[in-house]
Amino acid sequence: MNNGVTWRLIHKWRFGCGVGSSQPEAQRAAARYGITSRDSAYCCPSRWMRDPDSQVSSAVSFDLLSQIILGYISYLYNKAMPRTDHADLVCLQCKRRKRKCDKLLPSCSLCKRLGRTCHYEPLKKTSTSSTQPALAPSGLLPDPTRSITFQDVFEIIRAQFITVIGTDVRALHEASIYFNSVHLWFPILDPDLYYKQMSSPWNLQRPEFLLLSLSMFLVNARPDGIELSCQVLALYTSIKGFIGLFDSIGPTSLELIQVRLLITIFESGHGKPQSAYMTMGSTLRAAVALGLNNDSPKTSHTSLEQQRKAEEEKRVWWGVMIMDRYAALDMCKRGSEFRVMASPHIDTSSDREGLTAMSCPFSMLLHASRILEQVQAHMHDPTPQDEFNTTEAMQIVSTLRSFKALLKEMGPSEAEIYNPSVAVCESASLILWCHLEVRDKERCAKSSKSTFRAAVGDILARSHSLDQNPSIVDLERVPIFALSSIYIAASALTSEPKALQNVDAVDATATLKNILTHFSRRWLAGRRYLERLSEDLGPV
């Protein structure tokens, strides 16, 4: 269907048959294309993604909008395509008797009712007409003589923005939810810069910015019971398609890298580890293509806004490194070698001067992910020299012990459930011990066992407190990294029930499973981990 027609149709539904319009107008719009619905009242579509209790009425209006668009496509298609269930001319019996014929095939209704044999007069066709394939209307297929432009992309994304979020005011509300949840543990966006761009009419005409707003809305969405709603999955699929569309028509941008990272969080958090792993592969290369891996800035930033923009770019690159390592953990692999080659000298000591205090917890998460990468490299890419591998393992254990002590000094134990650095550090400690136990490296295993016991003990202490009173935890603030550490601890206790002294492994595992069930109300990865535990799969 023609993009302009699509846009006008959606615009008319949103502003003509939505707010401020009567219900009969919406019904007439639906009836125009042969569509019926029990309810055509406008409901804000943003509620059904975050609040499953309000799905019924909202889903009806969203479904009606989808039916109108699909019905109009069907109308255009049937108008242009030859019909195979109707004849082109009246049957000979009806023509002889001068009766109205409905031209149904293989027999018209009148002949069928009277029991007569129905014959149709064949069309007189030229010798070449029978060999020509039927063509769909030009509005339904891409025009091979015309390239897709940014204006086309803008119209499509803007239509999606209006359909899903609604108004700019609603977008600001969703941004507020995002900045008080996911942003607290993964700050790749600058709130002040985002709100400033949101207030500018120019940015509302940029498809990348609209796509970023849709991605923020997507990660805010909570599961509907044991699965994501069809609307959420449809939005996820649309955003993934838009990313591919941008890749085909032009260079990448910082907003698109941020969109990719939010999509990776969505995939990791909702039990799509393979998708997250593949998304991070393309995200990493897009970030390098944009030059985010450059350690030192090429130009000095004089204005405050330029400095904040430079900080945001640095945090985005940090986010790329963190999610690349975490996606590899979920797939039992090591981080991308391409990223290591792209940033050989970048580590946690390369904090650029001028970073605000908001970035400090994020730099700790970067440091924790760096230790996780060292564990992954030790596990999946060992050297042929056993003595070197043993020394390396001992150094990693010492680093984990020191870093965990530093994290304990930074905040109260009650806040550890919201601290992503603690979760990543604990995951690294657990998988390292499991690896050394399997490899039968006795000296290393004994050294890492204390770190393992400390990690499992801290996880169990938090889990027992939460299991007794689940309401004390704000699920919106729980990072996706917390679920993997709980799962690895439960898996280790299942495979090695005597790993902890004076601890009932069965009761401890049951408690950890209860926490995963509770967290799955926000992130469906918890349910995937429960399924793996029931299958008795190991963490490494």
Protein backbone atom coordinates (compact mmCIF):
# COMPACT_ATOMS: atom_id res chain seq x y z
CA MET A 1 0.00 0.00 0.00
CA ASN A 2 1.23 3.51 -0.79
CA ASN A 3 3.09 5.05 2.17
CA GLY A 4 1.18 8.29 1.86
CA VAL A 5 -2.14 6.46 1.95
CA THR A 6 -0.99 4.46 4.97
CA TRP A 7 0.07 7.59 6.80
CA ARG A 8 -3.18 9.44 6.05
CA LEU A 9 -5.24 6.46 7.14
CA ILE A 10 -3.42 6.13 10.47
CA HIS A 11 -3.43 9.89 10.96
CA LYS A 12 -7.18 9.98 10.38
CA TRP A 13 -7.74 7.13 12.82
CA ARG A 14 -5.53 8.71 15.47
CA PHE A 15 -6.84 12.25 15.23
CA GLY A 16 -10.15 11.88 13.40
CA CYS A 17 -11.60 8.70 14.90
CA GLY A 18 -9.76 8.76 18.19
CA VAL A 19 -9.58 11.52 20.75
CA GLY A 20 -12.40 13.99 20.46
CA SER A 21 -14.44 11.95 17.96
CA SER A 22 -17.61 10.01 18.40
CA GLN A 23 -17.86 6.26 18.31
CA PRO A 24 -20.04 6.16 15.14
CA GLU A 25 -17.24 7.86 13.18
CA ALA A 26 -14.87 5.04 14.09
CA GLN A 27 -17.50 2.47 13.23
CA ARG A 28 -18.11 4.07 9.82
CA ALA A 29 -14.35 4.07 9.17
CA ALA A 30 -14.28 0.37 9.94
CA ALA A 31 -17.42 -0.42 7.96
CA ARG A 32 -16.00 1.35 4.92
CA TYR A 33 -13.61 -1.55 4.47
CA GLY A 34 -16.00 -4.27 5.61
CA ILE A 35 -14.66 -4.56 9.17
CA THR A 36 -16.74 -5.04 12.28
CA SER A 37 -15.79 -4.72 15.93
CA ARG A 38 -17.66 -4.81 19.18
CA ASP A 39 -15.79 -1.80 20.46
CA SER A 40 -14.13 1.03 18.56
CA ALA A 41 -13.47 3.36 21.47
CA TYR A 42 -9.99 4.85 21.60
CA CYS A 43 -7.81 3.61 24.45
CA CYS A 44 -4.22 4.62 25.07
CA PRO A 45 -2.15 1.74 23.64
CA SER A 46 0.75 2.38 26.01
CA ARG A 47 -1.06 0.93 29.03
CA TRP A 48 -1.48 -2.59 27.76
CA MET A 49 2.27 -3.04 27.41
CA ARG A 50 3.06 -2.05 30.96
CA ASP A 51 -0.16 -2.94 32.78
CA PRO A 52 -1.61 -6.32 31.77
CA ASP A 53 -4.76 -5.63 33.79
CA SER A 54 -5.88 -3.03 31.26
CA GLN A 55 -5.33 -5.13 28.14
CA VAL A 56 -8.91 -5.95 27.26
CA SER A 57 -10.27 -2.58 26.18
CA SER A 58 -6.95 -1.32 24.80
CA ALA A 59 -6.25 -4.40 22.74
CA VAL A 60 -9.66 -4.08 21.07
CA SER A 61 -8.94 -0.59 19.76
CA PHE A 62 -5.44 -1.59 18.66
CA ASP A 63 -6.90 -4.66 16.93
CA LEU A 64 -9.46 -2.50 15.17
CA LEU A 65 -6.74 -0.20 13.86
CA SER A 66 -4.84 -3.21 12.53
CA GLN A 67 -8.02 -4.55 10.90
CA ILE A 68 -8.69 -1.23 9.17
CA ILE A 69 -5.20 -1.14 7.66
CA LEU A 70 -5.28 -4.80 6.62
CA GLY A 71 -8.81 -4.41 5.32
CA TYR A 72 -7.81 -1.47 3.17
CA ILE A 73 -4.89 -3.45 1.75
CA SER A 74 -7.26 -6.29 0.97
CA TYR A 75 -9.66 -3.81 -0.67
CA LEU A 76 -6.95 -2.44 -2.96
CA TYR A 77 -5.62 -5.88 -3.75
CA ASN A 78 -9.01 -7.37 -4.63
CA LYS A 79 -9.83 -4.34 -6.73
CA ALA A 80 -6.71 -4.75 -8.83
CA MET A 81 -6.33 -8.54 -8.95
CA PRO A 82 -8.55 -10.82 -11.05
CA ARG A 83 -10.91 -12.85 -8.85
CA THR A 84 -10.70 -16.63 -9.13
CA ASP A 85 -14.02 -17.33 -7.41
CA HIS A 86 -16.12 -15.20 -9.80
CA ALA A 87 -16.55 -15.32 -13.55
CA ASP A 88 -16.05 -12.24 -15.68
CA LEU A 89 -19.37 -12.64 -17.57
CA VAL A 90 -22.84 -13.82 -16.56
CA CYS A 91 -23.70 -17.46 -17.16
CA LEU A 92 -25.53 -18.46 -20.38
CA GLN A 93 -28.69 -19.57 -18.51
CA CYS A 94 -29.11 -16.22 -16.71
CA LYS A 95 -28.25 -14.31 -19.87
CA ARG A 96 -30.92 -16.18 -21.87
CA ARG A 97 -33.58 -15.60 -19.18
CA LYS A 98 -32.38 -12.06 -18.45
CA ARG A 99 -31.91 -12.80 -14.76
CA LYS A 100 -29.38 -11.25 -12.43
CA CYS A 101 -26.35 -13.54 -12.07
CA ASP A 102 -23.88 -13.45 -9.16
CA LYS A 103 -21.18 -15.08 -11.39
CA LEU A 104 -20.07 -17.54 -8.71
CA LEU A 105 -17.83 -20.40 -9.74
CA PRO A 106 -18.25 -23.23 -10.55
CA SER A 107 -22.02 -22.56 -10.54
CA CYS A 108 -24.00 -19.38 -9.91
CA SER A 109 -26.46 -19.36 -7.03
CA LEU A 110 -29.57 -19.37 -9.24
CA CYS A 111 -28.49 -22.37 -11.32
CA LYS A 112 -27.38 -24.20 -8.19
CA ARG A 113 -30.75 -23.58 -6.50
CA LEU A 114 -32.73 -24.73 -9.58
CA GLY A 115 -30.46 -27.71 -10.20
CA ARG A 116 -29.43 -26.57 -13.67
CA THR A 117 -26.08 -27.02 -15.34
CA CYS A 118 -24.26 -23.67 -15.28
CA HIS A 119 -22.11 -22.67 -18.26
CA TYR A 120 -20.09 -19.49 -18.69
CA GLU A 121 -19.14 -17.97 -22.01
CA PRO A 122 -15.35 -17.99 -22.35
CA LEU A 123 -13.55 -14.68 -22.68
CA LYS A 124 -12.03 -13.76 -26.01
CA LYS A 125 -8.32 -13.37 -25.22
CA THR A 126 -5.40 -12.57 -27.42
CA SER A 127 -2.69 -15.15 -27.89
CA THR A 128 -0.31 -13.34 -25.55
CA SER A 129 -2.70 -12.41 -22.78
CA SER A 130 -2.91 -15.92 -21.36
CA THR A 131 0.83 -16.05 -20.82
CA GLN A 132 1.06 -12.79 -18.87
CA PRO A 133 1.24 -13.24 -15.10
CA ALA A 134 -1.19 -11.37 -12.91
CA LEU A 135 0.38 -8.33 -11.28
CA ALA A 136 -0.31 -6.96 -7.85
CA PRO A 137 -1.10 -3.26 -7.60
CA SER A 138 1.96 -1.06 -7.54
CA GLY A 139 1.13 0.28 -4.09
CA LEU A 140 1.55 -3.16 -2.49
CA LEU A 141 4.98 -4.02 -3.86
CA PRO A 142 8.23 -2.02 -3.65
CA ASP A 143 8.89 0.09 -6.68
CA PRO A 144 12.10 -1.30 -8.20
CA THR A 145 12.82 2.03 -9.88
CA ARG A 146 12.69 4.02 -6.65
CA SER A 147 14.98 3.84 -3.61
CA ILE A 148 13.71 3.99 -0.04
CA THR A 149 14.31 7.43 1.44
CA PHE A 150 14.56 8.74 4.98
CA GLN A 151 11.17 10.36 4.46
CA ASP A 152 9.67 6.91 3.83
CA VAL A 153 11.31 5.59 6.99
CA PHE A 154 10.12 8.58 8.97
CA GLU A 155 6.51 8.09 7.87
CA ILE A 156 6.56 4.42 8.87
CA ILE A 157 8.24 4.97 12.25
CA ARG A 158 6.10 8.01 13.02
CA ALA A 159 2.99 5.94 12.33
CA GLN A 160 4.31 3.25 14.69
CA PHE A 161 5.09 5.92 17.29
CA ILE A 162 1.55 7.28 17.17
CA THR A 163 -0.02 3.82 17.19
CA VAL A 164 1.98 2.51 20.16
CA ILE A 165 2.72 5.54 22.33
CA GLY A 166 0.16 8.06 21.14
CA THR A 167 1.21 11.58 22.01
CA ASP A 168 4.45 13.36 22.86
CA VAL A 169 3.17 13.83 26.41
CA ARG A 170 2.80 10.07 26.75
CA ALA A 171 6.34 9.66 25.39
CA LEU A 172 7.62 11.94 28.16
CA HIS A 173 5.76 9.85 30.72
CA GLU A 174 7.30 6.63 29.38
CA ALA A 175 10.74 8.26 29.41
CA SER A 176 10.23 9.12 33.07
CA ILE A 177 9.48 5.46 33.81
CA TYR A 178 12.60 4.39 31.91
CA PHE A 179 14.90 6.85 33.70
CA ASN A 180 13.63 5.60 37.07
CA SER A 181 14.13 1.92 36.26
CA VAL A 182 16.51 0.59 33.58
CA HIS A 183 18.53 3.78 33.45
CA LEU A 184 19.50 3.42 37.12
CA TRP A 185 21.69 0.40 36.36
CA PHE A 186 22.47 0.97 32.67
CA PRO A 187 22.86 4.74 32.09
CA ILE A 188 23.61 4.98 28.38
CA LEU A 189 21.27 7.96 27.92
CA ASP A 190 21.65 11.44 29.33
CA PRO A 191 18.22 12.43 30.73
CA ASP A 192 18.78 16.16 30.29
CA LEU A 193 19.85 15.76 26.68
CA TYR A 194 16.93 13.45 25.94
CA TYR A 195 14.31 15.79 27.41
CA LYS A 196 15.88 18.73 25.61
CA GLN A 197 15.67 16.87 22.30
CA MET A 198 12.11 15.82 23.07
CA SER A 199 11.10 19.46 23.44
CA SER A 200 12.49 20.32 20.00
CA PRO A 201 10.09 19.91 17.04
CA TRP A 202 13.08 19.16 14.83
CA ASN A 203 14.00 16.00 16.77
CA LEU A 204 10.43 14.75 16.53
CA GLN A 205 10.98 14.70 12.78
CA ARG A 206 14.06 12.46 13.11
CA PRO A 207 13.25 8.74 12.73
CA GLU A 208 16.25 7.69 14.87
CA PHE A 209 14.97 9.68 17.83
CA LEU A 210 11.45 8.29 17.45
CA LEU A 211 12.88 4.77 17.27
CA LEU A 212 14.86 5.41 20.46
CA SER A 213 11.65 6.46 22.22
CA LEU A 214 9.94 3.28 21.03
CA SER A 215 12.87 1.21 22.34
CA MET A 216 12.66 2.85 25.76
CA PHE A 217 8.97 2.05 25.75
CA LEU A 218 9.73 -1.57 24.83
CA VAL A 219 12.12 -2.23 27.71
CA ASN A 220 9.54 -0.73 30.09
CA ALA A 221 7.05 -3.43 29.08
CA ARG A 222 6.34 -6.14 31.62
CA PRO A 223 5.29 -9.72 30.80
CA ASP A 224 1.65 -10.66 30.66
CA GLY A 225 1.74 -13.59 33.06
CA ILE A 226 4.13 -16.23 31.75
CA GLU A 227 4.77 -14.65 28.35
CA LEU A 228 5.02 -11.36 26.53
CA SER A 229 1.87 -10.04 24.95
CA CYS A 230 1.40 -10.18 21.18
CA GLN A 231 1.57 -6.38 21.02
CA VAL A 232 4.95 -6.29 22.76
CA LEU A 233 6.37 -8.98 20.50
CA ALA A 234 5.02 -7.14 17.46
CA LEU A 235 6.75 -3.93 18.57
CA TYR A 236 10.00 -5.84 19.19
CA THR A 237 9.85 -7.34 15.70
CA SER A 238 9.10 -3.95 14.17
CA ILE A 239 12.07 -2.27 15.85
CA LYS A 240 14.39 -5.06 14.73
CA GLY A 241 13.10 -4.54 11.19
CA PHE A 242 13.60 -0.78 11.42
CA ILE A 243 17.23 -1.33 12.48
CA GLY A 244 17.81 -3.42 9.38
CA LEU A 245 16.13 -0.75 7.28
CA PHE A 246 18.47 1.92 8.63
CA ASP A 247 21.46 -0.31 7.94
CA SER A 248 20.44 -0.53 4.29
CA ILE A 249 19.84 3.16 3.58
CA GLY A 250 22.47 5.10 5.47
CA PRO A 251 25.20 5.39 8.09
CA THR A 252 24.60 4.61 11.75
CA SER A 253 24.20 7.13 14.56
CA LEU A 254 24.54 7.27 18.33
CA GLU A 255 20.76 6.90 18.75
CA LEU A 256 20.78 3.70 16.69
CA ILE A 257 23.58 2.23 18.85
CA GLN A 258 21.48 3.06 21.92
CA VAL A 259 18.47 1.40 20.28
CA ARG A 260 20.52 -1.73 19.63
CA LEU A 261 21.68 -1.86 23.25
CA LEU A 262 18.14 -1.53 24.57
CA ILE A 263 17.04 -4.31 22.21
CA THR A 264 19.86 -6.49 23.59
CA ILE A 265 18.67 -5.80 27.14
CA PHE A 266 15.15 -6.75 26.11
CA GLU A 267 16.37 -9.99 24.52
CA SER A 268 18.62 -10.97 27.42
CA GLY A 269 16.04 -10.03 30.01
CA HIS A 270 13.24 -12.00 28.38
CA GLY A 271 15.02 -15.26 27.66
CA LYS A 272 16.33 -14.75 24.11
CA PRO A 273 20.08 -15.31 24.66
CA GLN A 274 20.87 -16.33 21.10
CA SER A 275 19.14 -13.26 19.69
CA ALA A 276 20.99 -11.04 22.18
CA TYR A 277 24.30 -12.65 21.23
CA MET A 278 23.72 -11.99 17.52
CA THR A 279 22.40 -8.47 18.12
CA MET A 280 25.54 -7.61 20.07
CA GLY A 281 27.70 -8.80 17.17
CA SER A 282 26.16 -6.23 14.82
CA THR A 283 25.98 -3.58 17.55
CA LEU A 284 29.69 -3.92 18.25
CA ARG A 285 30.63 -3.40 14.62
CA ALA A 286 28.24 -0.48 14.26
CA ALA A 287 29.80 1.18 17.32
CA VAL A 288 33.30 0.71 15.93
CA ALA A 289 32.15 2.06 12.56
CA LEU A 290 30.89 5.16 14.37
CA GLY A 291 34.25 5.55 16.12
CA LEU A 292 33.00 5.09 19.68
CA ASN A 293 36.01 2.88 20.50
CA ASN A 294 38.42 5.81 20.17
CA ASP A 295 39.88 6.33 23.62
CA SER A 296 40.83 9.98 23.39
CA PRO A 297 38.60 12.70 21.94
CA LYS A 298 39.77 14.20 18.67
CA THR A 299 38.58 17.71 19.55
CA SER A 300 38.18 19.65 22.78
CA HIS A 301 34.63 20.21 23.96
CA THR A 302 34.09 23.77 25.12
CA SER A 303 30.36 23.97 25.84
CA LEU A 304 28.65 22.04 28.60
CA GLU A 305 26.33 20.35 26.12
CA GLN A 306 29.30 19.13 24.07
CA GLN A 307 30.90 17.72 27.20
CA ARG A 308 27.71 15.90 28.15
CA LYS A 309 27.43 14.53 24.63
CA ALA A 310 30.99 13.25 24.81
CA GLU A 311 30.24 11.58 28.16
CA GLU A 312 27.15 9.96 26.68
CA GLU A 313 29.16 8.59 23.77
CA LYS A 314 31.68 7.11 26.21
CA ARG A 315 28.94 5.48 28.30
CA VAL A 316 27.42 4.00 25.15
CA TRP A 317 30.75 2.36 24.31
CA TRP A 318 30.99 1.08 27.88
CA GLY A 319 27.51 -0.34 27.46
CA VAL A 320 28.61 -2.11 24.28
CA MET A 321 31.54 -3.76 26.10
CA ILE A 322 29.40 -4.74 29.09
CA MET A 323 26.58 -6.28 27.08
CA ASP A 324 28.99 -8.07 24.74
CA ARG A 325 30.55 -9.83 27.73
CA TYR A 326 27.21 -10.58 29.36
CA ALA A 327 25.65 -11.93 26.16
CA ALA A 328 28.66 -14.25 25.85
CA LEU A 329 28.11 -15.45 29.44
CA ASP A 330 24.50 -16.37 28.67
CA MET A 331 25.69 -18.37 25.64
CA CYS A 332 28.58 -20.02 27.54
CA LYS A 333 31.13 -18.37 25.25
CA ARG A 334 33.78 -15.69 25.59
CA GLY A 335 33.44 -12.08 24.52
CA SER A 336 33.95 -11.00 20.94
CA GLU A 337 37.56 -11.04 19.78
CA PHE A 338 36.66 -8.27 17.36
CA ARG A 339 35.88 -5.98 20.31
CA VAL A 340 39.22 -6.84 21.93
CA MET A 341 41.02 -5.94 18.71
CA ALA A 342 38.95 -2.77 18.32
CA SER A 343 39.82 -1.52 21.83
CA PRO A 344 43.13 -3.11 22.88
CA HIS A 345 44.05 -0.32 25.30
CA ILE A 346 40.63 0.52 26.75
CA ASP A 347 39.91 -0.76 30.24
CA THR A 348 38.57 0.71 33.46
CA SER A 349 41.64 2.88 33.88
CA SER A 350 40.70 4.87 30.79
CA ASP A 351 37.92 6.88 32.44
CA ARG A 352 37.85 10.14 30.58
CA GLU A 353 38.38 13.24 32.67
CA GLY A 354 35.17 15.13 33.31
CA LEU A 355 32.79 12.20 33.69
CA THR A 356 30.01 13.04 36.07
CA ALA A 357 29.33 11.25 39.34
CA MET A 358 26.40 9.46 37.70
CA SER A 359 28.89 7.44 35.67
CA CYS A 360 30.86 6.10 38.64
CA PRO A 361 28.59 3.09 39.35
CA PHE A 362 28.60 2.39 35.64
CA SER A 363 32.41 2.36 35.59
CA MET A 364 32.28 -0.22 38.40
CA LEU A 365 30.00 -2.35 36.25
CA LEU A 366 32.49 -2.00 33.41
CA HIS A 367 35.26 -3.17 35.75
CA ALA A 368 33.17 -6.15 36.89
CA SER A 369 32.50 -7.12 33.26
CA ARG A 370 36.23 -6.90 32.57
CA ILE A 371 36.88 -9.46 35.32
CA LEU A 372 34.09 -11.61 33.87
CA GLU A 373 35.87 -11.47 30.50
CA GLN A 374 39.10 -12.65 32.13
CA VAL A 375 37.21 -15.63 33.56
CA GLN A 376 35.65 -16.35 30.16
CA ALA A 377 39.05 -16.20 28.45
CA HIS A 378 40.54 -18.50 31.08
CA MET A 379 37.73 -21.01 30.60
CA HIS A 380 37.36 -20.99 26.83
CA ASP A 381 40.85 -20.05 25.63
CA PRO A 382 43.46 -21.59 27.95
CA THR A 383 47.15 -21.72 27.09
CA PRO A 384 49.02 -25.02 26.59
CA GLN A 385 51.04 -24.32 29.76
CA ASP A 386 49.26 -25.66 32.85
CA GLU A 387 51.46 -23.73 35.26
CA PHE A 388 50.57 -20.44 33.58
CA ASN A 389 46.87 -21.31 33.64
CA THR A 390 47.07 -22.11 37.35
CA THR A 391 48.81 -18.82 38.13
CA GLU A 392 46.27 -16.93 36.03
CA ALA A 393 43.36 -18.56 37.86
CA MET A 394 44.89 -17.64 41.24
CA GLN A 395 45.26 -14.01 40.12
CA ILE A 396 41.64 -13.86 38.95
CA VAL A 397 40.45 -15.28 42.28
CA SER A 398 42.46 -12.63 44.12
CA THR A 399 41.02 -9.89 41.92
CA LEU A 400 37.47 -11.11 42.51
CA ARG A 401 37.99 -11.18 46.26
CA SER A 402 39.38 -7.64 46.32
CA PHE A 403 36.73 -6.23 44.03
CA LYS A 404 33.88 -7.80 46.01
CA ALA A 405 35.28 -6.25 49.20
CA LEU A 406 35.36 -2.86 47.46
CA LEU A 407 31.73 -3.22 46.41
CA LYS A 408 30.68 -4.01 49.98
CA GLU A 409 32.29 -0.80 51.16
CA MET A 410 30.39 1.27 48.60
CA GLY A 411 26.84 0.55 49.74
CA PRO A 412 24.59 -1.28 52.21
CA SER A 413 23.85 -4.95 51.68
CA GLU A 414 20.13 -4.18 51.22
CA ALA A 415 20.93 -2.35 47.99
CA GLU A 416 23.01 -5.18 46.51
CA ILE A 417 19.97 -6.64 44.78
CA TYR A 418 19.90 -3.49 42.60
CA ASN A 419 23.67 -3.35 42.06
CA PRO A 420 24.61 -4.88 38.69
CA SER A 421 28.31 -4.90 39.55
CA VAL A 422 27.67 -7.22 42.50
CA ALA A 423 25.66 -9.61 40.29
CA VAL A 424 28.33 -9.73 37.55
CA CYS A 425 31.11 -10.22 40.11
CA GLU A 426 29.20 -13.06 41.76
CA SER A 427 28.51 -14.72 38.40
CA ALA A 428 32.23 -14.60 37.58
CA SER A 429 33.11 -16.15 40.96
CA LEU A 430 30.58 -18.95 40.56
CA ILE A 431 31.43 -20.01 37.01
CA LEU A 432 35.16 -19.90 37.76
CA TRP A 433 34.77 -22.27 40.71
CA CYS A 434 32.53 -24.60 38.69
CA HIS A 435 35.10 -24.63 35.90
CA LEU A 436 38.00 -25.37 38.23
CA GLU A 437 36.05 -28.16 39.94
CA VAL A 438 35.33 -29.80 36.60
CA ARG A 439 38.94 -29.41 35.47
CA ASP A 440 40.12 -30.96 38.74
CA LYS A 441 42.60 -28.20 39.46
CA GLU A 442 42.84 -28.86 43.16
CA ARG A 443 45.04 -25.97 44.22
CA CYS A 444 42.98 -23.42 42.26
CA ALA A 445 39.67 -24.96 43.34
CA LYS A 446 40.58 -24.66 47.01
CA SER A 447 41.53 -21.03 46.54
CA SER A 448 38.36 -20.19 44.64
CA LYS A 449 36.10 -22.12 47.00
CA SER A 450 36.17 -19.36 49.60
CA THR A 451 35.14 -16.86 46.94
CA PHE A 452 32.43 -19.26 45.77
CA ARG A 453 31.08 -19.74 49.30
CA ALA A 454 31.05 -16.00 49.90
CA ALA A 455 29.14 -15.37 46.66
CA VAL A 456 26.56 -18.10 47.28
CA GLY A 457 26.21 -17.04 50.90
CA ASP A 458 25.47 -13.43 49.92
CA ILE A 459 22.99 -14.53 47.26
CA LEU A 460 21.20 -16.83 49.74
CA ALA A 461 21.08 -14.11 52.41
CA ARG A 462 19.40 -11.67 50.04
CA SER A 463 17.12 -14.38 48.66
CA HIS A 464 15.91 -15.51 52.10
CA SER A 465 15.04 -11.94 53.04
CA LEU A 466 13.23 -11.40 49.75
CA ASP A 467 11.44 -14.76 49.92
CA GLN A 468 9.96 -13.85 53.30
CA ASN A 469 8.82 -10.42 52.13
CA PRO A 470 8.76 -10.06 48.32
CA SER A 471 7.20 -6.60 48.47
CA ILE A 472 10.42 -5.04 49.74
CA VAL A 473 11.95 -5.21 46.24
CA ASP A 474 11.01 -2.87 43.42
CA LEU A 475 11.00 -5.18 40.41
CA GLU A 476 11.35 -2.26 38.01
CA ARG A 477 14.85 -1.58 39.38
CA VAL A 478 16.12 -5.17 39.31
CA PRO A 479 18.91 -5.51 36.70
CA ILE A 480 18.91 -8.41 34.27
CA PHE A 481 22.35 -9.44 35.59
CA ALA A 482 20.86 -10.44 38.94
CA LEU A 483 18.92 -13.33 37.42
CA SER A 484 21.96 -15.06 35.95
CA SER A 485 23.87 -15.00 39.26
CA ILE A 486 20.88 -16.54 41.08
CA TYR A 487 20.53 -19.21 38.40
CA ILE A 488 24.24 -20.15 38.47
CA ALA A 489 24.13 -20.41 42.27
CA ALA A 490 21.06 -22.68 42.13
CA SER A 491 22.66 -24.81 39.41
CA ALA A 492 25.89 -25.17 41.39
CA LEU A 493 23.99 -26.22 44.52
CA THR A 494 22.04 -28.74 42.46
CA SER A 495 25.18 -30.34 41.02
CA GLU A 496 27.28 -30.00 44.21
CA PRO A 497 24.88 -30.17 47.18
CA LYS A 498 27.77 -30.44 49.68
CA ALA A 499 29.58 -27.38 48.39
CA LEU A 500 28.39 -25.30 51.35
CA GLN A 501 28.74 -26.44 54.92
CA ASN A 502 25.76 -26.22 57.28
CA VAL A 503 23.44 -25.37 54.37
CA ASP A 504 20.58 -27.54 53.20
CA ALA A 505 21.11 -27.52 49.44
CA VAL A 506 17.52 -28.59 48.71
CA ASP A 507 15.97 -25.79 50.76
CA ALA A 508 18.48 -23.27 49.44
CA THR A 509 17.75 -24.24 45.83
CA ALA A 510 14.00 -24.00 46.48
CA THR A 511 14.48 -20.47 47.82
CA LEU A 512 16.51 -19.43 44.78
CA LYS A 513 13.83 -20.86 42.49
CA ASN A 514 11.19 -18.82 44.33
CA ILE A 515 13.22 -15.66 43.69
CA LEU A 516 13.58 -16.49 40.00
CA THR A 517 9.81 -16.99 39.84
CA HIS A 518 9.28 -13.61 41.50
CA PHE A 519 11.76 -11.85 39.19
CA SER A 520 10.13 -13.44 36.12
CA ARG A 521 7.22 -11.05 36.68
CA ARG A 522 9.61 -8.40 35.33
CA TRP A 523 12.12 -10.37 33.27
CA LEU A 524 11.06 -13.62 31.61
CA ALA A 525 14.65 -14.90 31.65
CA GLY A 526 13.83 -16.07 35.17
CA ARG A 527 11.33 -18.54 33.73
CA ARG A 528 13.88 -19.78 31.20
CA TYR A 529 16.38 -20.37 34.00
CA LEU A 530 13.77 -22.32 35.93
CA GLU A 531 13.22 -24.55 32.91
CA ARG A 532 16.94 -25.18 32.65
CA LEU A 533 17.13 -26.06 36.34
CA SER A 534 14.30 -28.54 35.90
CA GLU A 535 16.31 -30.13 33.07
CA ASP A 536 19.36 -30.26 35.36
CA LEU A 537 21.57 -28.28 33.01
CA GLY A 538 24.86 -26.99 34.35
CA PRO A 539 25.88 -23.33 34.30
CA VAL A 540 29.02 -23.87 32.22
